[in-house]
C-alpha atoms as a PDB file:
ATOM      1  CA  UNK A   1     -29.934 -41.150 -26.550  1.00  0.00           C
ATOM      2  CA  UNK A   2     -26.403 -42.308 -25.816  1.00  0.00           C
ATOM      3  CA  UNK A   3     -24.764 -45.363 -27.388  1.00  0.00           C
ATOM      4  CA  UNK A   4     -22.785 -47.530 -24.988  1.00  0.00           C
ATOM      5  CA  UNK A   5     -20.165 -50.084 -26.012  1.00  0.00           C
ATOM      6  CA  UNK A   6     -20.065 -53.234 -23.881  1.00  0.00           C
ATOM      7  CA  UNK A   7     -16.991 -55.490 -23.828  1.00  0.00           C
ATOM      8  CA  UNK A   8     -17.944 -58.871 -22.429  1.00  0.00           C
ATOM      9  CA  UNK A   9     -17.145 -62.539 -21.991  1.00  0.00           C
ATOM     10  CA  UNK A  10     -19.149 -65.666 -21.289  1.00  0.00           C
ATOM     11  CA  UNK A  11     -18.965 -69.410 -20.808  1.00  0.00           C
ATOM     12  CA  UNK A  12     -21.499 -70.665 -23.333  1.00  0.00           C
ATOM     13  CA  UNK A  13     -22.059 -74.063 -21.712  1.00  0.00           C
ATOM     14  CA  UNK A  14     -25.373 -73.288 -20.040  1.00  0.00           C
ATOM     15  CA  UNK A  15     -26.696 -70.809 -22.605  1.00  0.00           C
ATOM     16  CA  UNK A  16     -28.912 -71.523 -25.613  1.00  0.00           C
ATOM     17  CA  UNK A  17     -26.654 -69.298 -27.696  1.00  0.00           C
ATOM     18  CA  UNK A  18     -26.405 -65.524 -27.863  1.00  0.00           C
ATOM     19  CA  UNK A  19     -29.731 -64.504 -29.420  1.00  0.00           C
ATOM     20  CA  UNK A  20     -32.773 -64.067 -27.180  1.00  0.00           C
ATOM     21  CA  UNK A  21     -35.346 -66.845 -27.475  1.00  0.00           C
ATOM     22  CA  UNK A  22     -38.637 -67.106 -25.576  1.00  0.00           C
ATOM     23  CA  UNK A  23     -38.389 -69.466 -22.634  1.00  0.00           C
ATOM     24  CA  UNK A  24     -34.665 -70.120 -23.051  1.00  0.00           C
ATOM     25  CA  UNK A  25     -31.637 -68.767 -21.210  1.00  0.00           C
ATOM     26  CA  UNK A  26     -29.500 -66.775 -23.645  1.00  0.00           C
ATOM     27  CA  UNK A  27     -26.628 -64.344 -23.231  1.00  0.00           C
ATOM     28  CA  UNK A  28     -28.506 -61.513 -24.930  1.00  0.00           C
ATOM     29  CA  UNK A  29     -31.611 -62.102 -22.849  1.00  0.00           C
ATOM     30  CA  UNK A  30     -29.695 -62.087 -19.553  1.00  0.00           C
ATOM     31  CA  UNK A  31     -27.779 -58.890 -20.297  1.00  0.00           C
ATOM     32  CA  UNK A  32     -30.772 -57.024 -21.727  1.00  0.00           C
ATOM     33  CA  UNK A  33     -32.848 -57.804 -18.653  1.00  0.00           C
ATOM     34  CA  UNK A  34     -30.029 -56.720 -16.323  1.00  0.00           C
ATOM     35  CA  UNK A  35     -29.339 -53.420 -18.126  1.00  0.00           C
ATOM     36  CA  UNK A  36     -33.043 -52.614 -18.350  1.00  0.00           C
ATOM     37  CA  UNK A  37     -33.523 -53.244 -14.644  1.00  0.00           C
ATOM     38  CA  UNK A  38     -30.457 -51.324 -13.443  1.00  0.00           C
ATOM     39  CA  UNK A  39     -31.194 -48.269 -15.615  1.00  0.00           C
ATOM     40  CA  UNK A  40     -34.958 -48.522 -15.025  1.00  0.00           C
ATOM     41  CA  UNK A  41     -35.786 -48.496 -18.718  1.00  0.00           C
ATOM     42  CA  UNK A  42     -39.251 -49.933 -18.210  1.00  0.00           C
ATOM     43  CA  UNK A  43     -38.275 -53.131 -19.999  1.00  0.00           C
ATOM     44  CA  UNK A  44     -35.269 -54.969 -21.390  1.00  0.00           C
ATOM     45  CA  UNK A  45     -32.582 -53.006 -23.248  1.00  0.00           C
ATOM     46  CA  UNK A  46     -31.929 -53.929 -26.889  1.00  0.00           C
ATOM     47  CA  UNK A  47     -28.388 -55.048 -27.706  1.00  0.00           C
ATOM     48  CA  UNK A  48     -26.618 -55.255 -31.060  1.00  0.00           C
ATOM     49  CA  UNK A  49     -23.728 -57.707 -30.997  1.00  0.00           C
ATOM     50  CA  UNK A  50     -20.592 -58.134 -33.080  1.00  0.00           C
ATOM     51  CA  UNK A  51     -21.226 -61.823 -33.615  1.00  0.00           C
ATOM     52  CA  UNK A  52     -24.088 -64.092 -32.604  1.00  0.00           C
ATOM     53  CA  UNK A  53     -22.771 -67.370 -31.241  1.00  0.00           C
ATOM     54  CA  UNK A  54     -24.482 -70.744 -31.136  1.00  0.00           C
ATOM     55  CA  UNK A  55     -25.390 -72.755 -28.052  1.00  0.00           C
ATOM     56  CA  UNK A  56     -22.277 -73.933 -26.243  1.00  0.00           C
ATOM     57  CA  UNK A  57     -19.875 -71.502 -27.933  1.00  0.00           C
ATOM     58  CA  UNK A  58     -17.818 -69.269 -25.635  1.00  0.00           C
ATOM     59  CA  UNK A  59     -16.591 -65.685 -25.950  1.00  0.00           C
ATOM     60  CA  UNK A  60     -13.686 -63.908 -24.354  1.00  0.00           C
ATOM     61  CA  UNK A  61     -13.712 -60.774 -26.542  1.00  0.00           C
ATOM     62  CA  UNK A  62     -17.333 -60.218 -27.505  1.00  0.00           C
ATOM     63  CA  UNK A  63     -18.548 -56.659 -28.206  1.00  0.00           C
ATOM     64  CA  UNK A  64     -22.082 -55.246 -28.182  1.00  0.00           C
ATOM     65  CA  UNK A  65     -23.728 -51.836 -28.168  1.00  0.00           C
ATOM     66  CA  UNK A  66     -26.925 -50.510 -26.642  1.00  0.00           C
ATOM     67  CA  UNK A  67     -28.712 -47.182 -27.041  1.00  0.00           C
ATOM     68  CA  UNK A  68     -30.204 -45.798 -23.824  1.00  0.00           C
ATOM     69  CA  UNK A  69     -31.738 -42.429 -22.864  1.00  0.00           C
ATOM     70  CA  UNK A  70     -28.998 -40.127 -21.631  1.00  0.00           C
ATOM     71  CA  UNK A  71     -30.970 -39.415 -18.476  1.00  0.00           C
ATOM     72  CA  UNK A  72     -31.158 -43.094 -17.544  1.00  0.00           C
ATOM     73  CA  UNK A  73     -27.490 -43.048 -16.518  1.00  0.00           C
ATOM     74  CA  UNK A  74     -28.534 -40.816 -13.623  1.00  0.00           C
ATOM     75  CA  UNK A  75     -29.977 -43.950 -12.016  1.00  0.00           C
ATOM     76  CA  UNK A  76     -26.374 -44.845 -11.186  1.00  0.00           C
ATOM     77  CA  UNK A  77     -25.719 -41.757  -9.041  1.00  0.00           C
ATOM     78  CA  UNK A  78     -27.027 -43.274  -5.815  1.00  0.00           C
ATOM     79  CA  UNK A  79     -26.860 -41.100  -2.711  1.00  0.00           C
ATOM     80  CA  UNK A  80     -23.581 -39.437  -3.552  1.00  0.00           C
ATOM     81  CA  UNK A  81     -25.022 -36.823  -5.845  1.00  0.00           C
ATOM     82  CA  UNK A  82     -24.373 -36.465  -9.597  1.00  0.00           C
ATOM     83  CA  UNK A  83     -21.428 -38.514 -10.870  1.00  0.00           C
ATOM     84  CA  UNK A  84     -19.258 -37.930 -13.929  1.00  0.00           C
ATOM     85  CA  UNK A  85     -19.809 -40.087 -17.018  1.00  0.00           C
ATOM     86  CA  UNK A  86     -16.821 -42.343 -16.321  1.00  0.00           C
ATOM     87  CA  UNK A  87     -17.915 -42.831 -12.720  1.00  0.00           C
ATOM     88  CA  UNK A  88     -21.420 -43.729 -13.839  1.00  0.00           C
ATOM     89  CA  UNK A  89     -20.118 -46.279 -16.327  1.00  0.00           C
ATOM     90  CA  UNK A  90     -17.836 -47.818 -13.704  1.00  0.00           C
ATOM     91  CA  UNK A  91     -20.835 -48.045 -11.397  1.00  0.00           C
ATOM     92  CA  UNK A  92     -22.797 -49.777 -14.159  1.00  0.00           C
ATOM     93  CA  UNK A  93     -20.062 -52.398 -14.567  1.00  0.00           C
ATOM     94  CA  UNK A  94     -20.115 -53.055 -10.808  1.00  0.00           C
ATOM     95  CA  UNK A  95     -23.911 -53.270 -10.721  1.00  0.00           C
ATOM     96  CA  UNK A  96     -23.949 -55.687 -13.636  1.00  0.00           C
ATOM     97  CA  UNK A  97     -21.350 -57.805 -11.887  1.00  0.00           C
ATOM     98  CA  UNK A  98     -23.670 -58.098  -8.916  1.00  0.00           C
ATOM     99  CA  UNK A  99     -26.774 -58.942 -10.959  1.00  0.00           C
ATOM    100  CA  UNK A 100     -25.486 -61.303 -13.662  1.00  0.00           C
ATOM    101  CA  UNK A 101     -24.616 -64.946 -13.090  1.00  0.00           C
ATOM    102  CA  UNK A 102     -20.881 -65.757 -12.958  1.00  0.00           C
ATOM    103  CA  UNK A 103     -20.844 -67.326 -16.451  1.00  0.00           C
ATOM    104  CA  UNK A 104     -21.301 -63.924 -18.121  1.00  0.00           C
ATOM    105  CA  UNK A 105     -19.224 -60.843 -17.313  1.00  0.00           C
ATOM    106  CA  UNK A 106     -19.334 -57.268 -18.591  1.00  0.00           C
ATOM    107  CA  UNK A 107     -15.801 -56.057 -17.961  1.00  0.00           C
ATOM    108  CA  UNK A 108     -15.986 -52.635 -19.619  1.00  0.00           C
ATOM    109  CA  UNK A 109     -18.702 -50.133 -20.581  1.00  0.00           C
ATOM    110  CA  UNK A 110     -17.790 -46.987 -22.515  1.00  0.00           C
ATOM    111  CA  UNK A 111     -19.522 -44.283 -24.528  1.00  0.00           C
ATOM    112  CA  UNK A 112     -19.229 -45.419 -28.136  1.00  0.00           C
ATOM    113  CA  UNK A 113     -17.478 -43.096 -30.606  1.00  0.00           C
ATOM    114  CA  UNK A 114     -19.511 -41.399 -33.330  1.00  0.00           C
ATOM    115  CA  UNK A 115     -20.442 -43.888 -36.055  1.00  0.00           C
ATOM    116  CA  UNK A 116     -19.718 -47.004 -33.991  1.00  0.00           C
ATOM    117  CA  UNK A 117     -21.799 -50.100 -34.688  1.00  0.00           C
ATOM    118  CA  UNK A 118     -20.724 -53.247 -32.859  1.00  0.00           C
ATOM    119  CA  UNK A 119     -21.692 -55.451 -35.793  1.00  0.00           C
ATOM    120  CA  UNK A 120     -21.216 -53.478 -38.970  1.00  0.00           C
ATOM    121  CA  UNK A 121     -18.148 -51.436 -37.989  1.00  0.00           C
ATOM    122  CA  UNK A 122     -16.052 -54.540 -37.276  1.00  0.00           C
ATOM    123  CA  UNK A 123     -13.011 -55.164 -39.475  1.00  0.00           C
ATOM    124  CA  UNK A 124     -12.338 -58.722 -38.330  1.00  0.00           C
ATOM    125  CA  UNK A 125     -13.341 -61.424 -35.899  1.00  0.00           C
ATOM    126  CA  UNK A 126     -10.803 -63.782 -34.356  1.00  0.00           C
ATOM    127  CA  UNK A 127     -11.860 -67.183 -33.082  1.00  0.00           C
ATOM    128  CA  UNK A 128      -9.888 -69.976 -31.437  1.00  0.00           C
ATOM    129  CA  UNK A 129     -10.808 -73.640 -31.596  1.00  0.00           C
ATOM    130  CA  UNK A 130      -9.187 -76.001 -29.095  1.00  0.00           C
ATOM    131  CA  UNK A 131      -8.935 -79.771 -29.406  1.00  0.00           C
ATOM    132  CA  UNK A 132      -6.964 -82.491 -27.635  1.00  0.00           C
ATOM    133  CA  UNK A 133      -5.795 -85.756 -29.207  1.00  0.00           C
ATOM    134  CA  UNK A 134      -4.369 -87.185 -25.962  1.00  0.00           C
ATOM    135  CA  UNK A 135      -5.199 -90.921 -25.782  1.00  0.00           C
ATOM    136  CA  UNK A 136      -6.659 -90.566 -22.286  1.00  0.00           C
ATOM    137  CA  UNK A 137      -8.913 -87.633 -23.109  1.00  0.00           C
ATOM    138  CA  UNK A 138      -9.160 -83.966 -22.125  1.00  0.00           C
ATOM    139  CA  UNK A 139      -7.916 -82.458 -18.861  1.00  0.00           C
ATOM    140  CA  UNK A 140     -11.110 -82.520 -16.741  1.00  0.00           C
ATOM    141  CA  UNK A 141     -10.554 -78.886 -15.730  1.00  0.00           C
ATOM    142  CA  UNK A 142     -10.692 -77.852 -19.395  1.00  0.00           C
ATOM    143  CA  UNK A 143     -13.497 -80.128 -20.543  1.00  0.00           C
ATOM    144  CA  UNK A 144     -15.864 -77.210 -21.220  1.00  0.00           C
ATOM    145  CA  UNK A 145     -13.501 -75.506 -23.668  1.00  0.00           C
ATOM    146  CA  UNK A 146     -11.473 -78.321 -25.254  1.00  0.00           C
ATOM    147  CA  UNK A 147     -12.872 -81.044 -27.523  1.00  0.00           C
ATOM    148  CA  UNK A 148     -11.436 -84.562 -27.382  1.00  0.00           C
ATOM    149  CA  UNK A 149     -10.487 -86.109 -30.730  1.00  0.00           C
ATOM    150  CA  UNK A 150      -9.816 -89.800 -30.318  1.00  0.00           C
ATOM    151  CA  UNK A 151      -7.325 -90.089 -33.198  1.00  0.00           C
ATOM    152  CA  UNK A 152      -3.777 -88.682 -33.385  1.00  0.00           C
ATOM    153  CA  UNK A 153      -3.634 -85.407 -35.327  1.00  0.00           C
ATOM    154  CA  UNK A 154      -0.857 -84.198 -37.615  1.00  0.00           C
ATOM    155  CA  UNK A 155      -0.195 -80.492 -37.137  1.00  0.00           C
ATOM    156  CA  UNK A 156       1.660 -80.325 -40.457  1.00  0.00           C
ATOM    157  CA  UNK A 157      -1.217 -81.902 -42.370  1.00  0.00           C
ATOM    158  CA  UNK A 158      -3.809 -79.570 -40.872  1.00  0.00           C
ATOM    159  CA  UNK A 159      -1.750 -76.470 -41.622  1.00  0.00           C
ATOM    160  CA  UNK A 160      -1.081 -77.631 -45.189  1.00  0.00           C
ATOM    161  CA  UNK A 161      -4.823 -78.152 -45.703  1.00  0.00           C
ATOM    162  CA  UNK A 162      -5.655 -74.826 -44.046  1.00  0.00           C
ATOM    163  CA  UNK A 163      -3.352 -72.911 -46.400  1.00  0.00           C
ATOM    164  CA  UNK A 164      -5.565 -73.934 -49.334  1.00  0.00           C
ATOM    165  CA  UNK A 165      -8.560 -72.141 -47.797  1.00  0.00           C
ATOM    166  CA  UNK A 166      -7.055 -68.699 -47.217  1.00  0.00           C
ATOM    167  CA  UNK A 167      -8.208 -65.633 -49.129  1.00  0.00           C
ATOM    168  CA  UNK A 168     -11.536 -64.353 -50.411  1.00  0.00           C
ATOM    169  CA  UNK A 169     -13.804 -67.160 -51.599  1.00  0.00           C
ATOM    170  CA  UNK A 170     -17.389 -68.255 -51.682  1.00  0.00           C
ATOM    171  CA  UNK A 171     -17.509 -70.476 -48.590  1.00  0.00           C
ATOM    172  CA  UNK A 172     -20.921 -71.955 -49.424  1.00  0.00           C
ATOM    173  CA  UNK A 173     -19.434 -75.437 -48.945  1.00  0.00           C
ATOM    174  CA  UNK A 174     -18.800 -74.630 -45.292  1.00  0.00           C
ATOM    175  CA  UNK A 175     -21.890 -72.558 -44.475  1.00  0.00           C
ATOM    176  CA  UNK A 176     -25.514 -73.225 -43.741  1.00  0.00           C
ATOM    177  CA  UNK A 177     -27.158 -71.208 -46.489  1.00  0.00           C
ATOM    178  CA  UNK A 178     -29.578 -68.475 -45.460  1.00  0.00           C
ATOM    179  CA  UNK A 179     -31.975 -66.831 -47.865  1.00  0.00           C
ATOM    180  CA  UNK A 180     -30.628 -63.515 -49.144  1.00  0.00           C
ATOM    181  CA  UNK A 181     -27.292 -63.878 -47.323  1.00  0.00           C
ATOM    182  CA  UNK A 182     -23.956 -63.896 -49.106  1.00  0.00           C
ATOM    183  CA  UNK A 183     -21.431 -66.645 -48.335  1.00  0.00           C
ATOM    184  CA  UNK A 184     -18.441 -64.762 -49.751  1.00  0.00           C
ATOM    185  CA  UNK A 185     -15.862 -64.143 -47.029  1.00  0.00           C
ATOM    186  CA  UNK A 186     -12.214 -63.191 -46.732  1.00  0.00           C
ATOM    187  CA  UNK A 187     -10.435 -65.783 -44.604  1.00  0.00           C
ATOM    188  CA  UNK A 188      -7.396 -63.866 -43.389  1.00  0.00           C
ATOM    189  CA  UNK A 189      -5.786 -66.446 -41.114  1.00  0.00           C
ATOM    190  CA  UNK A 190      -6.274 -70.131 -40.407  1.00  0.00           C
ATOM    191  CA  UNK A 191      -3.394 -71.670 -38.540  1.00  0.00           C
ATOM    192  CA  UNK A 192      -2.893 -74.513 -36.060  1.00  0.00           C
ATOM    193  CA  UNK A 193      -0.428 -74.672 -33.197  1.00  0.00           C
ATOM    194  CA  UNK A 194       0.122 -76.978 -30.243  1.00  0.00           C
ATOM    195  CA  UNK A 195       0.281 -75.701 -26.665  1.00  0.00           C
ATOM    196  CA  UNK A 196       2.847 -76.994 -24.189  1.00  0.00           C
ATOM    197  CA  UNK A 197      -0.010 -78.987 -22.644  1.00  0.00           C
ATOM    198  CA  UNK A 198      -0.523 -80.808 -25.945  1.00  0.00           C
ATOM    199  CA  UNK A 199      -3.813 -79.072 -26.789  1.00  0.00           C
ATOM    200  CA  UNK A 200      -4.074 -78.038 -30.430  1.00  0.00           C
ATOM    201  CA  UNK A 201      -5.420 -74.541 -31.089  1.00  0.00           C
ATOM    202  CA  UNK A 202      -6.659 -73.188 -34.402  1.00  0.00           C
ATOM    203  CA  UNK A 203      -6.575 -69.405 -34.845  1.00  0.00           C
ATOM    204  CA  UNK A 204      -9.254 -68.357 -37.336  1.00  0.00           C
ATOM    205  CA  UNK A 205      -9.567 -64.753 -38.538  1.00  0.00           C
ATOM    206  CA  UNK A 206     -11.932 -63.341 -41.172  1.00  0.00           C
ATOM    207  CA  UNK A 207     -13.818 -60.170 -41.941  1.00  0.00           C
ATOM    208  CA  UNK A 208     -16.926 -62.120 -40.866  1.00  0.00           C
ATOM    209  CA  UNK A 209     -18.197 -65.682 -40.808  1.00  0.00           C
ATOM    210  CA  UNK A 210     -21.393 -67.163 -42.179  1.00  0.00           C
ATOM    211  CA  UNK A 211     -23.501 -69.630 -40.229  1.00  0.00           C
ATOM    212  CA  UNK A 212     -21.541 -72.712 -39.018  1.00  0.00           C
ATOM    213  CA  UNK A 213     -18.466 -71.730 -41.064  1.00  0.00           C
ATOM    214  CA  UNK A 214     -15.810 -71.898 -38.341  1.00  0.00           C
ATOM    215  CA  UNK A 215     -16.839 -75.293 -37.001  1.00  0.00           C
ATOM    216  CA  UNK A 216     -17.289 -76.708 -40.508  1.00  0.00           C
ATOM    217  CA  UNK A 217     -13.779 -75.593 -41.471  1.00  0.00           C
ATOM    218  CA  UNK A 218     -12.407 -77.159 -38.295  1.00  0.00           C
ATOM    219  CA  UNK A 219     -14.299 -80.392 -38.975  1.00  0.00           C
ATOM    220  CA  UNK A 220     -12.774 -80.652 -42.448  1.00  0.00           C
ATOM    221  CA  UNK A 221      -9.262 -79.956 -41.160  1.00  0.00           C
ATOM    222  CA  UNK A 222      -9.581 -82.567 -38.420  1.00  0.00           C
ATOM    223  CA  UNK A 223     -10.413 -85.142 -41.096  1.00  0.00           C
ATOM    224  CA  UNK A 224      -7.244 -84.169 -42.955  1.00  0.00           C
ATOM    225  CA  UNK A 225      -5.244 -84.132 -39.730  1.00  0.00           C
ATOM    226  CA  UNK A 226      -6.100 -87.674 -38.654  1.00  0.00           C
ATOM    227  CA  UNK A 227      -5.639 -89.167 -42.118  1.00  0.00           C
ATOM    228  CA  UNK A 228      -9.270 -89.924 -42.953  1.00  0.00           C
ATOM    229  CA  UNK A 229      -8.989 -87.461 -45.833  1.00  0.00           C
ATOM    230  CA  UNK A 230      -6.109 -86.162 -47.918  1.00  0.00           C
ATOM    231  CA  UNK A 231      -4.515 -82.784 -47.296  1.00  0.00           C
ATOM    232  CA  UNK A 232      -5.997 -81.453 -50.528  1.00  0.00           C
ATOM    233  CA  UNK A 233      -9.583 -82.491 -49.694  1.00  0.00           C
ATOM    234  CA  UNK A 234     -10.769 -79.340 -47.821  1.00  0.00           C
ATOM    235  CA  UNK A 235      -9.592 -77.201 -50.751  1.00  0.00           C
ATOM    236  CA  UNK A 236     -11.454 -79.417 -53.208  1.00  0.00           C
ATOM    237  CA  UNK A 237     -14.623 -79.079 -51.141  1.00  0.00           C
ATOM    238  CA  UNK A 238     -14.237 -75.284 -51.219  1.00  0.00           C
ATOM    239  CA  UNK A 239     -13.911 -75.234 -55.017  1.00  0.00           C
ATOM    240  CA  UNK A 240     -16.997 -77.420 -55.503  1.00  0.00           C
ATOM    241  CA  UNK A 241     -19.027 -74.793 -53.662  1.00  0.00           C
ATOM    242  CA  UNK A 242     -21.742 -76.995 -52.177  1.00  0.00           C
ATOM    243  CA  UNK A 243     -22.167 -78.656 -48.803  1.00  0.00           C
ATOM    244  CA  UNK A 244     -20.322 -81.964 -48.646  1.00  0.00           C
ATOM    245  CA  UNK A 245     -21.741 -84.718 -46.450  1.00  0.00           C
ATOM    246  CA  UNK A 246     -18.164 -85.574 -45.499  1.00  0.00           C
ATOM    247  CA  UNK A 247     -17.730 -82.240 -43.704  1.00  0.00           C
ATOM    248  CA  UNK A 248     -18.784 -82.723 -40.108  1.00  0.00           C
ATOM    249  CA  UNK A 249     -19.363 -79.602 -38.030  1.00  0.00           C
ATOM    250  CA  UNK A 250     -17.046 -79.719 -35.013  1.00  0.00           C
ATOM    251  CA  UNK A 251     -18.587 -79.578 -31.494  1.00  0.00           C
ATOM    252  CA  UNK A 252     -19.558 -76.141 -30.231  1.00  0.00           C
ATOM    253  CA  UNK A 253     -17.725 -76.118 -26.904  1.00  0.00           C
ATOM    254  CA  UNK A 254     -14.245 -76.049 -28.470  1.00  0.00           C
ATOM    255  CA  UNK A 255     -14.934 -72.658 -30.035  1.00  0.00           C
ATOM    256  CA  UNK A 256     -14.327 -69.241 -28.480  1.00  0.00           C
ATOM    257  CA  UNK A 257     -14.683 -65.742 -29.912  1.00  0.00           C
ATOM    258  CA  UNK A 258     -11.414 -64.148 -28.807  1.00  0.00           C
ATOM    259  CA  UNK A 259     -11.406 -60.687 -30.389  1.00  0.00           C
ATOM    260  CA  UNK A 260     -13.352 -58.269 -32.565  1.00  0.00           C
ATOM    261  CA  UNK A 261     -11.268 -55.615 -34.332  1.00  0.00           C
ATOM    262  CA  UNK A 262     -12.430 -52.135 -35.339  1.00  0.00           C
ATOM    263  CA  UNK A 263     -10.893 -49.320 -37.419  1.00  0.00           C
ATOM    264  CA  UNK A 264      -9.938 -45.928 -36.013  1.00  0.00           C
ATOM    265  CA  UNK A 265     -12.695 -43.636 -34.774  1.00  0.00           C
ATOM    266  CA  UNK A 266     -12.743 -41.575 -37.959  1.00  0.00           C
ATOM    267  CA  UNK A 267     -13.433 -44.659 -40.089  1.00  0.00           C
ATOM    268  CA  UNK A 268     -16.175 -46.342 -38.057  1.00  0.00           C
ATOM    269  CA  UNK A 269     -19.182 -44.915 -39.910  1.00  0.00           C
ATOM    270  CA  UNK A 270     -17.665 -45.549 -43.347  1.00  0.00           C
ATOM    271  CA  UNK A 271     -16.864 -49.132 -42.433  1.00  0.00           C
ATOM    272  CA  UNK A 272     -20.417 -49.702 -41.174  1.00  0.00           C
ATOM    273  CA  UNK A 273     -21.901 -48.255 -44.366  1.00  0.00           C
ATOM    274  CA  UNK A 274     -19.656 -50.396 -46.576  1.00  0.00           C
ATOM    275  CA  UNK A 275     -20.523 -53.568 -44.659  1.00  0.00           C
ATOM    276  CA  UNK A 276     -24.259 -52.895 -44.870  1.00  0.00           C
ATOM    277  CA  UNK A 277     -24.039 -52.616 -48.655  1.00  0.00           C
ATOM    278  CA  UNK A 278     -22.804 -56.190 -49.051  1.00  0.00           C
ATOM    279  CA  UNK A 279     -24.568 -58.015 -46.227  1.00  0.00           C
ATOM    280  CA  UNK A 280     -28.226 -58.308 -45.331  1.00  0.00           C
ATOM    281  CA  UNK A 281     -29.686 -57.284 -41.999  1.00  0.00           C
ATOM    282  CA  UNK A 282     -31.014 -60.794 -41.392  1.00  0.00           C
ATOM    283  CA  UNK A 283     -27.597 -62.405 -41.710  1.00  0.00           C
ATOM    284  CA  UNK A 284     -25.760 -63.439 -38.564  1.00  0.00           C
ATOM    285  CA  UNK A 285     -22.077 -62.530 -38.606  1.00  0.00           C
ATOM    286  CA  UNK A 286     -20.107 -64.163 -37.439  1.00  0.00           C
ATOM    287  CA  UNK A 287     -21.918 -67.372 -36.659  1.00  0.00           C
ATOM    288  CA  UNK A 288     -20.158 -70.344 -35.228  1.00  0.00           C
END
C-alpha cells in the first residue's frame, strides 16, 4: 500500500458537509468515488481528512490522505508505457480535475512521508471568518463567502474581547459536547482585521477545534462588536464553562479552512501518537 496526501479546496455551498452521508452530496463522497473509479479500486477509496467541515463551510487549504495499493497507480500509465511516480501523480490530478465538479478541486497529490496522518499529525488549523457590516449588504459576487451583519461592528471591541479567549482552556461553552470527546483546546490566535473593501476577517488558529467552536466564538465576538454585549462577556462565558443561550453560532458560509500546518517529516509519527493519546477517534477535529 502507498499513502497519498491530497491538498484540496472546495466551495461548500452545495455540499452537505465533508463527511459522507447516504443519499447526500458530500465532499468526501465525491472525492472517494472519483479516486476509486480512476484507480479502479473496485469501490470508493477511503479518505482521512485534517478537519471535517459542516454543510456550507468552505476550504482553501484542506488536507486528506488515502491508502491505495501501489499497483493501482499503474492505471495512470495510459498508452505511453510505465510512468515515474511524479508523472503518475500529476496524471491523477489531471484526471480528477476532469471528473470532479468545479466546486471541488484537488490541486496536488504527493506520496506522504513516513508517519504522516492528515488528521493526527497536524500541528494547527487556520480558519478565516468573513463578515460585512455595510448598510447595503454584501457584494453580490462574494455572497457565498461573506456573511452580512446588519449592525455596525467595532473592530477594537471585537479584538479586545478576542484577547480574553486566547490560550489553552476548556472551550465547553463554545462547543457542542460529544460523548468521550475533550473540549480542551489551545487557541493560538484570534484576531480581526478589516479589508480595503470593508469586509471584516477573523483569523482563528488552534491546535484543533471541537464541534461548532469557530462559529460559536465568532457569534460571541459579533455580539460584543455591535454593542449588544460588553467586551468582557465572551471571556465570562468561557470561564463559566457551559453553553450560554446568548451565544449564537454564526452562519456557516462565512467560514473557510485556510491552512493545516504539520511538523517536519521526522516528527510526523510522534505528533500523531501524541494527538491520539488525548483525543478520541470519534471526535471531529476541527469542526466548524
